[in-house]
Amino acid sequence: MLKKVVLLAIPGVAPFEFGVVCEVFGIDRTEHGGPAFDFTIAAVEPGVVPTSLGYDMVIPNGLEAAAEADLIAVPAHRIDDEVHPAIIQVLRDAVDRGAWVMSICSGAFTLANAGILSGRSATTHWMHADRLAREFPDITVDPDVLFVEDGRIISSAGTAAGIDACLHLIRSELGASAANVVARRMVVPPQRAGGQAQFIATPIPESRSDSFAEVTEWMLGNLDQELTIDELARRALMSPRTFARRFKADLGATPGAWLNRQRLLHAQRLLEETSLSLDSVAAESGFGTAAVMRHHFGKSLNTTPAAYRRAFSVRALA
């Protein structure tokens, strides 16, 4: 059972990623039916720890706090700084006793330097993925996912992906309802892309320009309509062929794939936040019928709309 959580304060730590772990695990949410953790921040030596933004934190606890932790979290920090041998030993000891270890963003380099990612899959911020793969060729680096769980080691991509990884761990250890309470208090989705595992294999990239901003905004406002390439091309003042080609080049997906993705996300939000029938959710999302929506959920998320609602509806938490 996940109970004792230790967050490592490493010199050069990135405050946002550090704060993510504090927010998820450091707040008692039992008043709202959520979890409470025995949360501790630890440094190699008690005292001042500088951050990557130039200000200092004062950490009163040494690494002895990590000796019996169920989870040790390593936030992002400056990659080129040498990691203290004591940090490496703490991580190795945690793996040896079967504890969870999690890295956020560039924290994966500390796990790699400790040798605990050898022969495993992992991820990090996309800006650093090539370097991680180059410096540690025995690690299978996947730059296209929000997080990777391999054994009892979880590595996450940059910045907010750490939230996804933390909520995934809570869901795995304590159940969907506990993760939903935390997510609702943080005003974030219980799990981006939904389902019972990580289903975003390749997130669709954001537009590289504003050339399609108007038409995509209109598409999002009319998901319940039948949107054809011809109609979208007319709104973009292009021929259908040119529209399809430039849309994919700019947004990284065909118009149809992008539209289906947005419809799926909208359906997930409706299932999480409303009591609409499956037929109504399908109609408002643009899938037409519950059967068509079920097909897309199965293909993309490996689950059904009904199962997704049971796992991630937040209406019961209101």
C-alpha atoms as a PDB file:
ATOM      1  CA  MET A   1       0.000   0.000   0.000  1.00  0.00           C
ATOM      2  CA  LEU A   2       1.302   3.424  -0.960  1.00  0.00           C
ATOM      3  CA  LYS A   3       1.636   5.413   2.256  1.00  0.00           C
ATOM      4  CA  LYS A   4       5.073   6.900   2.921  1.00  0.00           C
ATOM      5  CA  VAL A   5       6.260   9.257   0.171  1.00  0.00           C
ATOM      6  CA  VAL A   6       9.643  10.972   0.087  1.00  0.00           C
ATOM      7  CA  LEU A   7      10.460  13.755  -2.370  1.00  0.00           C
ATOM      8  CA  LEU A   8      14.149  14.358  -2.979  1.00  0.00           C
ATOM      9  CA  ALA A   9      15.355  17.953  -2.977  1.00  0.00           C
ATOM     10  CA  ILE A  10      18.338  17.962  -5.324  1.00  0.00           C
ATOM     11  CA  PRO A  11      20.417  21.120  -5.919  1.00  0.00           C
ATOM     12  CA  GLY A  12      19.214  22.852  -9.070  1.00  0.00           C
ATOM     13  CA  VAL A  13      15.703  21.437  -8.660  1.00  0.00           C
ATOM     14  CA  ALA A  14      12.960  22.832 -10.914  1.00  0.00           C
ATOM     15  CA  PRO A  15      10.272  24.409  -8.697  1.00  0.00           C
ATOM     16  CA  PHE A  16       7.229  23.481 -10.795  1.00  0.00           C
ATOM     17  CA  GLU A  17       8.032  19.776 -11.026  1.00  0.00           C
ATOM     18  CA  PHE A  18       8.989  19.815  -7.343  1.00  0.00           C
ATOM     19  CA  GLY A  19       5.657  21.461  -6.554  1.00  0.00           C
ATOM     20  CA  VAL A  20       3.702  18.873  -8.527  1.00  0.00           C
ATOM     21  CA  VAL A  21       4.779  16.120  -6.149  1.00  0.00           C
ATOM     22  CA  CYS A  22       4.077  18.342  -3.134  1.00  0.00           C
ATOM     23  CA  GLU A  23       0.582  19.126  -4.423  1.00  0.00           C
ATOM     24  CA  VAL A  24      -0.360  15.525  -5.208  1.00  0.00           C
ATOM     25  CA  PHE A  25       1.118  13.759  -2.198  1.00  0.00           C
ATOM     26  CA  GLY A  26       1.626  16.482   0.391  1.00  0.00           C
ATOM     27  CA  ILE A  27      -1.976  17.529   1.050  1.00  0.00           C
ATOM     28  CA  ASP A  28      -4.385  15.639   3.324  1.00  0.00           C
ATOM     29  CA  ARG A  29      -7.583  15.125   1.302  1.00  0.00           C
ATOM     30  CA  THR A  30      -9.396  12.773   3.676  1.00  0.00           C
ATOM     31  CA  GLU A  31     -12.035  15.433   4.333  1.00  0.00           C
ATOM     32  CA  HIS A  32     -13.215  14.946   0.762  1.00  0.00           C
ATOM     33  CA  GLY A  33     -12.862  11.184   0.696  1.00  0.00           C
ATOM     34  CA  GLY A  34      -9.365  11.236  -0.735  1.00  0.00           C
ATOM     35  CA  PRO A  35      -6.019   9.916   0.490  1.00  0.00           C
ATOM     36  CA  ALA A  36      -3.487  11.247   2.979  1.00  0.00           C
ATOM     37  CA  PHE A  37       0.177  10.335   2.708  1.00  0.00           C
ATOM     38  CA  ASP A  38       3.077  10.379   5.130  1.00  0.00           C
ATOM     39  CA  PHE A  39       4.915  12.976   3.050  1.00  0.00           C
ATOM     40  CA  THR A  40       8.513  14.104   3.613  1.00  0.00           C
ATOM     41  CA  ILE A  41      10.974  16.234   1.662  1.00  0.00           C
ATOM     42  CA  ALA A  42      14.555  15.068   2.059  1.00  0.00           C
ATOM     43  CA  ALA A  43      17.974  16.314   1.016  1.00  0.00           C
ATOM     44  CA  VAL A  44      21.464  14.792   1.196  1.00  0.00           C
ATOM     45  CA  GLU A  45      22.094  17.002   4.197  1.00  0.00           C
ATOM     46  CA  PRO A  46      19.514  19.130   6.062  1.00  0.00           C
ATOM     47  CA  GLY A  47      19.848  22.775   5.172  1.00  0.00           C
ATOM     48  CA  VAL A  48      19.806  25.041   2.141  1.00  0.00           C
ATOM     49  CA  VAL A  49      19.065  23.588  -1.315  1.00  0.00           C
ATOM     50  CA  PRO A  50      19.310  25.984  -4.298  1.00  0.00           C
ATOM     51  CA  THR A  51      16.663  25.820  -7.034  1.00  0.00           C
ATOM     52  CA  SER A  52      17.063  26.262 -10.760  1.00  0.00           C
ATOM     53  CA  LEU A  53      15.445  29.729 -10.536  1.00  0.00           C
ATOM     54  CA  GLY A  54      18.032  31.202  -8.203  1.00  0.00           C
ATOM     55  CA  TYR A  55      16.267  31.089  -4.854  1.00  0.00           C
ATOM     56  CA  ASP A  56      16.950  28.655  -2.015  1.00  0.00           C
ATOM     57  CA  MET A  57      14.802  26.212  -0.074  1.00  0.00           C
ATOM     58  CA  VAL A  58      15.510  25.135   3.483  1.00  0.00           C
ATOM     59  CA  ILE A  59      15.020  21.381   3.886  1.00  0.00           C
ATOM     60  CA  PRO A  60      15.121  20.092   7.477  1.00  0.00           C
ATOM     61  CA  ASN A  61      15.269  16.354   6.707  1.00  0.00           C
ATOM     62  CA  GLY A  62      18.184  14.222   5.589  1.00  0.00           C
ATOM     63  CA  LEU A  63      18.105  11.107   3.423  1.00  0.00           C
ATOM     64  CA  GLU A  64      17.445   8.831   6.376  1.00  0.00           C
ATOM     65  CA  ALA A  65      13.772   9.712   5.841  1.00  0.00           C
ATOM     66  CA  ALA A  66      13.887   7.719   2.597  1.00  0.00           C
ATOM     67  CA  ALA A  67      14.988   4.459   4.155  1.00  0.00           C
ATOM     68  CA  GLU A  68      11.466   3.025   4.462  1.00  0.00           C
ATOM     69  CA  ALA A  69       9.631   5.055   1.813  1.00  0.00           C
ATOM     70  CA  ASP A  70       6.996   3.372  -0.347  1.00  0.00           C
ATOM     71  CA  LEU A  71       7.713   5.946  -3.054  1.00  0.00           C
ATOM     72  CA  ILE A  72      10.757   8.057  -3.744  1.00  0.00           C
ATOM     73  CA  ALA A  73      10.134  10.892  -6.206  1.00  0.00           C
ATOM     74  CA  VAL A  74      12.893  12.627  -8.159  1.00  0.00           C
ATOM     75  CA  PRO A  75      11.817  15.979  -9.667  1.00  0.00           C
ATOM     76  CA  ALA A  76      13.429  17.741 -12.605  1.00  0.00           C
ATOM     77  CA  HIS A  77      16.802  19.358 -11.978  1.00  0.00           C
ATOM     78  CA  ARG A  78      19.829  20.565 -13.909  1.00  0.00           C
ATOM     79  CA  ILE A  79      21.031  17.610 -15.981  1.00  0.00           C
ATOM     80  CA  ASP A  80      24.713  18.510 -16.073  1.00  0.00           C
ATOM     81  CA  ASP A  81      25.132  18.722 -12.301  1.00  0.00           C
ATOM     82  CA  GLU A  82      26.766  15.701 -10.718  1.00  0.00           C
ATOM     83  CA  VAL A  83      24.371  13.690  -8.599  1.00  0.00           C
ATOM     84  CA  HIS A  84      25.535  12.981  -5.063  1.00  0.00           C
ATOM     85  CA  PRO A  85      26.456   9.298  -4.513  1.00  0.00           C
ATOM     86  CA  ALA A  86      24.109   9.170  -1.532  1.00  0.00           C
ATOM     87  CA  ILE A  87      21.135   9.940  -3.805  1.00  0.00           C
ATOM     88  CA  ILE A  88      22.164   7.150  -6.149  1.00  0.00           C
ATOM     89  CA  GLN A  89      22.423   4.703  -3.255  1.00  0.00           C
ATOM     90  CA  VAL A  90      19.009   5.689  -1.888  1.00  0.00           C
ATOM     91  CA  LEU A  91      17.439   4.983  -5.279  1.00  0.00           C
ATOM     92  CA  ARG A  92      19.179   1.639  -5.662  1.00  0.00           C
ATOM     93  CA  ASP A  93      18.130   0.606  -2.173  1.00  0.00           C
ATOM     94  CA  ALA A  94      14.528   1.567  -2.931  1.00  0.00           C
ATOM     95  CA  VAL A  95      14.450  -0.616  -6.032  1.00  0.00           C
ATOM     96  CA  ASP A  96      16.080  -3.500  -4.170  1.00  0.00           C
ATOM     97  CA  ARG A  97      13.384  -3.483  -1.482  1.00  0.00           C
ATOM     98  CA  GLY A  98      10.555  -3.202  -4.021  1.00  0.00           C
ATOM     99  CA  ALA A  99       9.554   0.420  -3.406  1.00  0.00           C
ATOM    100  CA  TRP A 100       8.209   2.701  -6.122  1.00  0.00           C
ATOM    101  CA  VAL A 101      10.587   5.186  -7.737  1.00  0.00           C
ATOM    102  CA  MET A 102       9.320   8.029  -9.907  1.00  0.00           C
ATOM    103  CA  SER A 103      11.079  10.677 -11.947  1.00  0.00           C
ATOM    104  CA  ILE A 104       9.580  13.822 -13.403  1.00  0.00           C
ATOM    105  CA  CYS A 105      11.046  15.359 -16.551  1.00  0.00           C
ATOM    106  CA  SER A 106      14.868  15.482 -16.380  1.00  0.00           C
ATOM    107  CA  GLY A 107      14.816  13.535 -13.111  1.00  0.00           C
ATOM    108  CA  ALA A 108      15.069  10.483 -15.372  1.00  0.00           C
ATOM    109  CA  PHE A 109      18.780  11.227 -15.763  1.00  0.00           C
ATOM    110  CA  THR A 110      19.275  10.682 -12.033  1.00  0.00           C
ATOM    111  CA  LEU A 111      17.517   7.319 -12.285  1.00  0.00           C
ATOM    112  CA  ALA A 112      19.682   6.480 -15.282  1.00  0.00           C
ATOM    113  CA  ASN A 113      22.866   7.461 -13.464  1.00  0.00           C
ATOM    114  CA  ALA A 114      21.818   5.218 -10.589  1.00  0.00           C
ATOM    115  CA  GLY A 115      21.631   2.325 -13.053  1.00  0.00           C
ATOM    116  CA  ILE A 116      18.032   1.464 -12.155  1.00  0.00           C
ATOM    117  CA  LEU A 117      16.726   2.119 -15.685  1.00  0.00           C
ATOM    118  CA  SER A 118      19.173  -0.269 -17.315  1.00  0.00           C
ATOM    119  CA  GLY A 119      17.298  -2.691 -19.557  1.00  0.00           C
ATOM    120  CA  ARG A 120      14.034  -0.830 -18.985  1.00  0.00           C
ATOM    121  CA  SER A 121      11.794   1.550 -20.901  1.00  0.00           C
ATOM    122  CA  ALA A 122      11.599   5.186 -19.812  1.00  0.00           C
ATOM    123  CA  THR A 123      10.772   8.687 -20.937  1.00  0.00           C
ATOM    124  CA  THR A 124      11.727  12.273 -20.195  1.00  0.00           C
ATOM    125  CA  HIS A 125      11.020  15.716 -21.621  1.00  0.00           C
ATOM    126  CA  TRP A 126      11.074  15.553 -25.412  1.00  0.00           C
ATOM    127  CA  MET A 127      13.903  18.108 -25.478  1.00  0.00           C
ATOM    128  CA  HIS A 128      16.133  15.681 -23.563  1.00  0.00           C
ATOM    129  CA  ALA A 129      14.959  12.336 -24.997  1.00  0.00           C
ATOM    130  CA  ASP A 130      17.685  12.049 -27.639  1.00  0.00           C
ATOM    131  CA  ARG A 131      20.367  12.830 -25.077  1.00  0.00           C
ATOM    132  CA  LEU A 132      19.022  10.251 -22.631  1.00  0.00           C
ATOM    133  CA  ALA A 133      18.999   7.602 -25.353  1.00  0.00           C
ATOM    134  CA  ARG A 134      22.477   8.582 -26.540  1.00  0.00           C
ATOM    135  CA  GLU A 135      24.116   8.634 -23.102  1.00  0.00           C
ATOM    136  CA  PHE A 136      22.316   5.514 -21.858  1.00  0.00           C
ATOM    137  CA  PRO A 137      21.910   3.165 -24.853  1.00  0.00           C
ATOM    138  CA  ASP A 138      20.730   0.322 -22.585  1.00  0.00           C
ATOM    139  CA  ILE A 139      17.514   2.278 -21.900  1.00  0.00           C
ATOM    140  CA  THR A 140      14.604   2.154 -24.344  1.00  0.00           C
ATOM    141  CA  VAL A 141      13.569   5.803 -24.472  1.00  0.00           C
ATOM    142  CA  ASP A 142      10.057   6.621 -25.692  1.00  0.00           C
ATOM    143  CA  PRO A 143       9.719  10.373 -26.338  1.00  0.00           C
ATOM    144  CA  ASP A 144       6.065  10.241 -27.407  1.00  0.00           C
ATOM    145  CA  VAL A 145       4.289   9.308 -24.177  1.00  0.00           C
ATOM    146  CA  LEU A 146       3.285  11.157 -21.030  1.00  0.00           C
ATOM    147  CA  PHE A 147       4.832   8.564 -18.744  1.00  0.00           C
ATOM    148  CA  VAL A 148       6.238   5.045 -18.716  1.00  0.00           C
ATOM    149  CA  GLU A 149       5.773   2.432 -16.014  1.00  0.00           C
ATOM    150  CA  ASP A 150       8.329  -0.381 -16.109  1.00  0.00           C
ATOM    151  CA  GLY A 151       8.185  -2.610 -13.082  1.00  0.00           C
ATOM    152  CA  ARG A 152       7.909  -0.308 -10.084  1.00  0.00           C
ATOM    153  CA  ILE A 153       9.713   2.557 -11.782  1.00  0.00           C
ATOM    154  CA  ILE A 154       7.744   5.373 -13.387  1.00  0.00           C
ATOM    155  CA  SER A 155       9.315   8.080 -15.511  1.00  0.00           C
ATOM    156  CA  SER A 156       7.320  11.011 -16.853  1.00  0.00           C
ATOM    157  CA  ALA A 157       7.737  13.552 -19.590  1.00  0.00           C
ATOM    158  CA  GLY A 158       8.100  17.273 -19.020  1.00  0.00           C
ATOM    159  CA  THR A 159       6.269  19.577 -16.661  1.00  0.00           C
ATOM    160  CA  ALA A 160       2.565  18.751 -16.312  1.00  0.00           C
ATOM    161  CA  ALA A 161       3.089  15.138 -17.406  1.00  0.00           C
ATOM    162  CA  GLY A 162       4.330  14.634 -13.865  1.00  0.00           C
ATOM    163  CA  ILE A 163       0.745  15.172 -12.711  1.00  0.00           C
ATOM    164  CA  ASP A 164      -0.407  12.388 -15.035  1.00  0.00           C
ATOM    165  CA  ALA A 165       2.250  10.049 -13.665  1.00  0.00           C
ATOM    166  CA  CYS A 166       1.405  10.833 -10.026  1.00  0.00           C
ATOM    167  CA  LEU A 167      -2.323  10.323 -10.578  1.00  0.00           C
ATOM    168  CA  HIS A 168      -1.620   7.094 -12.443  1.00  0.00           C
ATOM    169  CA  LEU A 169       0.305   5.763  -9.453  1.00  0.00           C
ATOM    170  CA  ILE A 170      -2.460   6.722  -7.024  1.00  0.00           C
ATOM    171  CA  ARG A 171      -5.007   5.082  -9.295  1.00  0.00           C
ATOM    172  CA  SER A 172      -2.918   1.905  -9.511  1.00  0.00           C
ATOM    173  CA  GLU A 173      -2.330   1.680  -5.764  1.00  0.00           C
ATOM    174  CA  LEU A 174      -5.473   3.193  -4.227  1.00  0.00           C
ATOM    175  CA  GLY A 175      -8.093   3.040  -6.973  1.00  0.00           C
ATOM    176  CA  ALA A 176      -9.813   5.402  -9.410  1.00  0.00           C
ATOM    177  CA  SER A 177     -11.930   7.168  -6.792  1.00  0.00           C
ATOM    178  CA  ALA A 178      -8.849   8.267  -4.820  1.00  0.00           C
ATOM    179  CA  ALA A 179      -7.184   9.581  -7.972  1.00  0.00           C
ATOM    180  CA  ASN A 180     -10.371  11.368  -8.978  1.00  0.00           C
ATOM    181  CA  VAL A 181     -10.581  13.207  -5.646  1.00  0.00           C
ATOM    182  CA  VAL A 182      -7.012  14.463  -6.033  1.00  0.00           C
ATOM    183  CA  ALA A 183      -7.581  15.425  -9.671  1.00  0.00           C
ATOM    184  CA  ARG A 184     -10.800  17.256  -8.910  1.00  0.00           C
ATOM    185  CA  ARG A 185      -9.164  19.301  -6.150  1.00  0.00           C
ATOM    186  CA  MET A 186      -6.313  20.165  -8.529  1.00  0.00           C
ATOM    187  CA  VAL A 187      -8.786  21.042 -11.304  1.00  0.00           C
ATOM    188  CA  VAL A 188      -7.157  18.659 -13.778  1.00  0.00           C
ATOM    189  CA  PRO A 189      -8.533  15.662 -15.698  1.00  0.00           C
ATOM    190  CA  PRO A 190      -8.373  12.387 -13.719  1.00  0.00           C
ATOM    191  CA  GLN A 191      -6.372  11.020 -16.621  1.00  0.00           C
ATOM    192  CA  ARG A 192      -5.708  12.591 -19.954  1.00  0.00           C
ATOM    193  CA  ALA A 193      -7.103  10.268 -22.653  1.00  0.00           C
ATOM    194  CA  GLY A 194      -8.866   8.225 -19.972  1.00  0.00           C
ATOM    195  CA  GLY A 195      -9.136   4.492 -19.672  1.00  0.00           C
ATOM    196  CA  GLN A 196      -7.488   2.189 -17.179  1.00  0.00           C
ATOM    197  CA  ALA A 197      -3.966   2.684 -18.451  1.00  0.00           C
ATOM    198  CA  GLN A 198      -2.015   5.265 -20.393  1.00  0.00           C
ATOM    199  CA  PHE A 199      -3.708   5.431 -23.745  1.00  0.00           C
ATOM    200  CA  ILE A 200      -2.064   8.489 -25.292  1.00  0.00           C
ATOM    201  CA  ALA A 201       0.679   6.821 -27.303  1.00  0.00           C
ATOM    202  CA  THR A 202       1.380   9.784 -29.582  1.00  0.00           C
ATOM    203  CA  PRO A 203      -0.189  13.073 -28.537  1.00  0.00           C
ATOM    204  CA  ILE A 204      -1.288  15.179 -31.506  1.00  0.00           C
ATOM    205  CA  PRO A 205       1.047  18.190 -31.651  1.00  0.00           C
ATOM    206  CA  GLU A 206      -0.254  21.706 -31.370  1.00  0.00           C
ATOM    207  CA  SER A 207      -0.503  23.851 -34.471  1.00  0.00           C
ATOM    208  CA  ARG A 208       2.781  25.383 -35.585  1.00  0.00           C
ATOM    209  CA  SER A 209       1.016  28.549 -36.739  1.00  0.00           C
ATOM    210  CA  ASP A 210      -2.278  30.391 -36.513  1.00  0.00           C
ATOM    211  CA  SER A 211      -3.310  29.547 -40.075  1.00  0.00           C
ATOM    212  CA  PHE A 212      -5.927  27.008 -38.956  1.00  0.00           C
ATOM    213  CA  ALA A 213      -6.912  28.630 -35.655  1.00  0.00           C
ATOM    214  CA  GLU A 214     -10.240  29.942 -36.919  1.00  0.00           C
ATOM    215  CA  VAL A 215     -11.348  26.731 -38.618  1.00  0.00           C
ATOM    216  CA  THR A 216     -10.301  24.454 -35.742  1.00  0.00           C
ATOM    217  CA  GLU A 217     -12.092  26.703 -33.270  1.00  0.00           C
ATOM    218  CA  TRP A 218     -15.214  26.415 -35.410  1.00  0.00           C
ATOM    219  CA  MET A 219     -14.782  22.622 -35.560  1.00  0.00           C
ATOM    220  CA  LEU A 220     -14.584  22.443 -31.768  1.00  0.00           C
ATOM    221  CA  GLY A 221     -17.787  24.428 -31.503  1.00  0.00           C
ATOM    222  CA  ASN A 222     -19.606  22.151 -33.931  1.00  0.00           C
ATOM    223  CA  LEU A 223     -18.460  18.672 -32.991  1.00  0.00           C
ATOM    224  CA  ASP A 224     -22.054  17.445 -33.052  1.00  0.00           C
ATOM    225  CA  GLN A 225     -22.364  18.287 -36.751  1.00  0.00           C
ATOM    226  CA  GLU A 226     -21.289  16.244 -39.770  1.00  0.00           C
ATOM    227  CA  LEU A 227     -18.123  18.066 -40.803  1.00  0.00           C
ATOM    228  CA  THR A 228     -16.911  17.268 -44.308  1.00  0.00           C
ATOM    229  CA  ILE A 229     -13.571  18.104 -45.867  1.00  0.00           C
ATOM    230  CA  ASP A 230     -15.349  20.141 -48.526  1.00  0.00           C
ATOM    231  CA  GLU A 231     -17.083  22.317 -45.923  1.00  0.00           C
ATOM    232  CA  LEU A 232     -13.927  22.771 -43.851  1.00  0.00           C
ATOM    233  CA  ALA A 233     -11.923  23.635 -46.957  1.00  0.00           C
ATOM    234  CA  ARG A 234     -14.467  26.284 -47.938  1.00  0.00           C
ATOM    235  CA  ARG A 235     -14.178  27.869 -44.506  1.00  0.00           C
ATOM    236  CA  ALA A 236     -10.402  27.880 -44.856  1.00  0.00           C
ATOM    237  CA  LEU A 237     -10.669  29.324 -48.391  1.00  0.00           C
ATOM    238  CA  MET A 238      -8.731  26.402 -49.846  1.00  0.00           C
ATOM    239  CA  SER A 239      -9.359  23.526 -52.170  1.00  0.00           C
ATOM    240  CA  PRO A 240     -10.125  20.251 -50.342  1.00  0.00           C
ATOM    241  CA  ARG A 241      -6.829  18.748 -51.466  1.00  0.00           C
ATOM    242  CA  THR A 242      -4.772  21.755 -50.353  1.00  0.00           C
ATOM    243  CA  PHE A 243      -6.672  21.967 -47.074  1.00  0.00           C
ATOM    244  CA  ALA A 244      -6.040  18.300 -46.216  1.00  0.00           C
ATOM    245  CA  ARG A 245      -2.350  18.554 -47.098  1.00  0.00           C
ATOM    246  CA  ARG A 246      -1.688  21.781 -45.209  1.00  0.00           C
ATOM    247  CA  PHE A 247      -3.803  20.742 -42.221  1.00  0.00           C
ATOM    248  CA  LYS A 248      -1.729  17.591 -41.708  1.00  0.00           C
ATOM    249  CA  ALA A 249       1.536  19.471 -42.189  1.00  0.00           C
ATOM    250  CA  ASP A 250       0.520  22.120 -39.666  1.00  0.00           C
ATOM    251  CA  LEU A 251      -1.250  20.056 -36.994  1.00  0.00           C
ATOM    252  CA  GLY A 252       0.453  16.681 -37.444  1.00  0.00           C
ATOM    253  CA  ALA A 253      -2.733  14.744 -38.232  1.00  0.00           C
ATOM    254  CA  THR A 254      -5.312  14.474 -40.964  1.00  0.00           C
ATOM    255  CA  PRO A 255      -8.497  16.522 -40.496  1.00  0.00           C
ATOM    256  CA  GLY A 256     -10.443  13.314 -39.859  1.00  0.00           C
ATOM    257  CA  ALA A 257      -7.994  12.022 -37.244  1.00  0.00           C
ATOM    258  CA  TRP A 258      -7.857  15.409 -35.506  1.00  0.00           C
ATOM    259  CA  LEU A 259     -11.642  15.643 -35.467  1.00  0.00           C
ATOM    260  CA  ASN A 260     -12.083  12.125 -34.087  1.00  0.00           C
ATOM    261  CA  ARG A 261      -9.560  12.905 -31.368  1.00  0.00           C
ATOM    262  CA  GLN A 262     -11.450  16.027 -30.312  1.00  0.00           C
ATOM    263  CA  ARG A 263     -14.762  14.158 -30.353  1.00  0.00           C
ATOM    264  CA  LEU A 264     -13.263  11.458 -28.178  1.00  0.00           C
ATOM    265  CA  LEU A 265     -11.950  14.019 -25.679  1.00  0.00           C
ATOM    266  CA  HIS A 266     -15.331  15.756 -25.588  1.00  0.00           C
ATOM    267  CA  ALA A 267     -17.108  12.449 -25.004  1.00  0.00           C
ATOM    268  CA  GLN A 268     -14.715  11.668 -22.149  1.00  0.00           C
ATOM    269  CA  ARG A 269     -15.450  15.016 -20.511  1.00  0.00           C
ATOM    270  CA  LEU A 270     -19.192  14.459 -20.816  1.00  0.00           C
ATOM    271  CA  LEU A 271     -18.903  10.961 -19.340  1.00  0.00           C
ATOM    272  CA  GLU A 272     -16.813  12.288 -16.459  1.00  0.00           C
ATOM    273  CA  GLU A 273     -18.866  15.385 -15.662  1.00  0.00           C
ATOM    274  CA  THR A 274     -22.494  14.746 -16.687  1.00  0.00           C
ATOM    275  CA  SER A 275     -25.230  12.163 -16.299  1.00  0.00           C
ATOM    276  CA  LEU A 276     -26.220  12.288 -19.979  1.00  0.00           C
ATOM    277  CA  SER A 277     -27.185   8.958 -21.518  1.00  0.00           C
ATOM    278  CA  LEU A 278     -24.659   7.254 -23.768  1.00  0.00           C
ATOM    279  CA  ASP A 279     -26.815   8.083 -26.784  1.00  0.00           C
ATOM    280  CA  SER A 280     -26.851  11.759 -25.810  1.00  0.00           C
ATOM    281  CA  VAL A 281     -23.087  11.804 -25.229  1.00  0.00           C
ATOM    282  CA  ALA A 282     -22.570  10.190 -28.643  1.00  0.00           C
ATOM    283  CA  ALA A 283     -24.846  12.747 -30.315  1.00  0.00           C
ATOM    284  CA  GLU A 284     -23.234  15.776 -28.628  1.00  0.00           C
ATOM    285  CA  SER A 285     -19.754  14.480 -29.429  1.00  0.00           C
ATOM    286  CA  GLY A 286     -20.521  13.919 -33.076  1.00  0.00           C
ATOM    287  CA  PHE A 287     -20.319  10.132 -33.060  1.00  0.00           C
ATOM    288  CA  GLY A 288     -24.020   9.882 -33.866  1.00  0.00           C
ATOM    289  CA  THR A 289     -24.847   6.676 -32.026  1.00  0.00           C
ATOM    290  CA  ALA A 290     -23.660   4.927 -28.895  1.00  0.00           C
ATOM    291  CA  ALA A 291     -22.514   1.991 -31.024  1.00  0.00           C
ATOM    292  CA  VAL A 292     -20.216   4.189 -33.123  1.00  0.00           C
ATOM    293  CA  MET A 293     -18.880   5.872 -29.990  1.00  0.00           C
ATOM    294  CA  ARG A 294     -18.237   2.472 -28.408  1.00  0.00           C
ATOM    295  CA  HIS A 295     -16.243   1.472 -31.496  1.00  0.00           C
ATOM    296  CA  HIS A 296     -13.986   4.526 -31.184  1.00  0.00           C
ATOM    297  CA  PHE A 297     -13.494   4.033 -27.432  1.00  0.00           C
ATOM    298  CA  GLY A 298     -12.487   0.428 -28.031  1.00  0.00           C
ATOM    299  CA  LYS A 299     -10.127   1.314 -30.860  1.00  0.00           C
ATOM    300  CA  SER A 300      -8.426   4.273 -29.177  1.00  0.00           C
ATOM    301  CA  LEU A 301      -8.764   3.638 -25.435  1.00  0.00           C
ATOM    302  CA  ASN A 302      -9.237  -0.125 -25.197  1.00  0.00           C
ATOM    303  CA  THR A 303     -12.342   0.346 -23.051  1.00  0.00           C
ATOM    304  CA  THR A 304     -16.063   1.115 -23.417  1.00  0.00           C
ATOM    305  CA  PRO A 305     -17.867   4.388 -22.672  1.00  0.00           C
ATOM    306  CA  ALA A 306     -19.805   2.725 -19.863  1.00  0.00           C
ATOM    307  CA  ALA A 307     -16.647   1.320 -18.282  1.00  0.00           C
ATOM    308  CA  TYR A 308     -14.921   4.674 -18.648  1.00  0.00           C
ATOM    309  CA  ARG A 309     -17.796   6.427 -16.872  1.00  0.00           C
ATOM    310  CA  ARG A 310     -17.751   3.913 -14.007  1.00  0.00           C
ATOM    311  CA  ALA A 311     -14.042   4.461 -13.525  1.00  0.00           C
ATOM    312  CA  PHE A 312     -13.765   8.211 -13.958  1.00  0.00           C
ATOM    313  CA  SER A 313     -17.086   9.945 -13.345  1.00  0.00           C
ATOM    314  CA  VAL A 314     -16.605  12.750 -10.844  1.00  0.00           C
ATOM    315  CA  ARG A 315     -20.299  13.481 -10.256  1.00  0.00           C
ATOM    316  CA  ALA A 316     -20.349  11.162  -7.255  1.00  0.00           C
ATOM    317  CA  LEU A 317     -17.640  13.303  -5.654  1.00  0.00           C
ATOM    318  CA  ALA A 318     -19.643  16.528  -5.777  1.00  0.00           C
END
